[in-house]
Amino acid sequence: MAQLKITQIKSKISEKQNQRDTLRSLGLRHIGAVTIREDNSQNRGYVNTVAHLVKVEEID
């Protein structure tokens, strides 16, 4: 199954609380942090919530 490589590229400091919580749920704590998650609708929703803070790549 395809996977998503999610990299945090911007700070969460001036963002809303729900966006901070979403980053924490994805396992991202600081700029440059990388996590690999399964490509499913739940994780796609997380990414859409914080799309301006992360970079997403599909990997096999």
Protein backbone atom coordinates (compact mmCIF):
# COMPACT_ATOMS: atom_id res chain seq x y z
CA MET A 1 0.00 0.00 0.00
CA ALA A 2 1.16 3.53 -0.71
CA GLN A 3 2.56 5.66 2.06
CA LEU A 4 2.94 9.37 2.67
CA LYS A 5 6.18 11.03 3.70
CA ILE A 6 5.15 14.16 5.62
CA THR A 7 7.71 16.86 6.43
CA GLN A 8 7.00 19.92 8.57
CA ILE A 9 8.31 23.01 6.76
CA LYS A 10 6.83 25.86 8.82
CA SER A 11 6.45 26.68 12.50
CA LYS A 12 3.25 26.02 14.41
CA ILE A 13 3.72 29.02 16.74
CA SER A 14 1.08 31.39 15.38
CA GLU A 15 -1.39 28.71 14.29
CA LYS A 16 -4.77 27.75 15.75
CA GLN A 17 -4.94 25.12 18.47
CA ASN A 18 -6.62 22.52 16.25
CA GLN A 19 -3.75 22.80 13.75
CA ARG A 20 -1.18 22.38 16.53
CA ASP A 21 -3.06 19.31 17.72
CA THR A 22 -3.12 17.90 14.18
CA LEU A 23 0.65 18.27 13.85
CA ARG A 24 1.08 16.48 17.18
CA SER A 25 -1.24 13.69 16.00
CA LEU A 26 0.89 13.27 12.89
CA GLY A 27 4.00 13.01 15.09
CA LEU A 28 5.57 16.29 13.95
CA ARG A 29 7.21 18.36 16.68
CA HIS A 30 9.57 20.78 14.95
CA ILE A 31 10.56 22.18 11.58
CA GLY A 32 12.28 19.51 9.51
CA ALA A 33 10.61 16.64 11.34
CA VAL A 34 9.61 13.76 9.04
CA THR A 35 7.05 11.02 9.53
CA ILE A 36 5.83 8.24 7.28
CA ARG A 37 2.13 7.42 7.47
CA GLU A 38 -0.23 5.11 5.63
CA ASP A 39 -2.12 6.74 2.73
CA ASN A 40 -5.73 6.63 3.93
CA SER A 41 -8.59 9.10 4.25
CA GLN A 42 -7.85 9.89 7.91
CA ASN A 43 -4.25 10.89 7.25
CA ARG A 44 -5.27 12.79 4.10
CA GLY A 45 -7.68 14.80 6.26
CA TYR A 46 -4.90 15.59 8.72
CA VAL A 47 -2.69 16.76 5.87
CA ASN A 48 -5.45 18.95 4.42
CA THR A 49 -5.87 20.65 7.80
CA VAL A 50 -2.20 21.66 7.96
CA ALA A 51 -1.37 21.77 4.24
CA HIS A 52 0.29 25.18 4.56
CA LEU A 53 2.70 23.84 7.22
CA VAL A 54 3.79 20.55 5.65
CA LYS A 55 5.21 19.05 2.47
CA VAL A 56 3.81 15.68 1.37
CA GLU A 57 5.37 13.07 -0.90
CA GLU A 58 3.93 9.71 -1.92
CA ILE A 59 6.29 6.76 -1.57
CA ASP A 60 5.85 3.08 -2.36
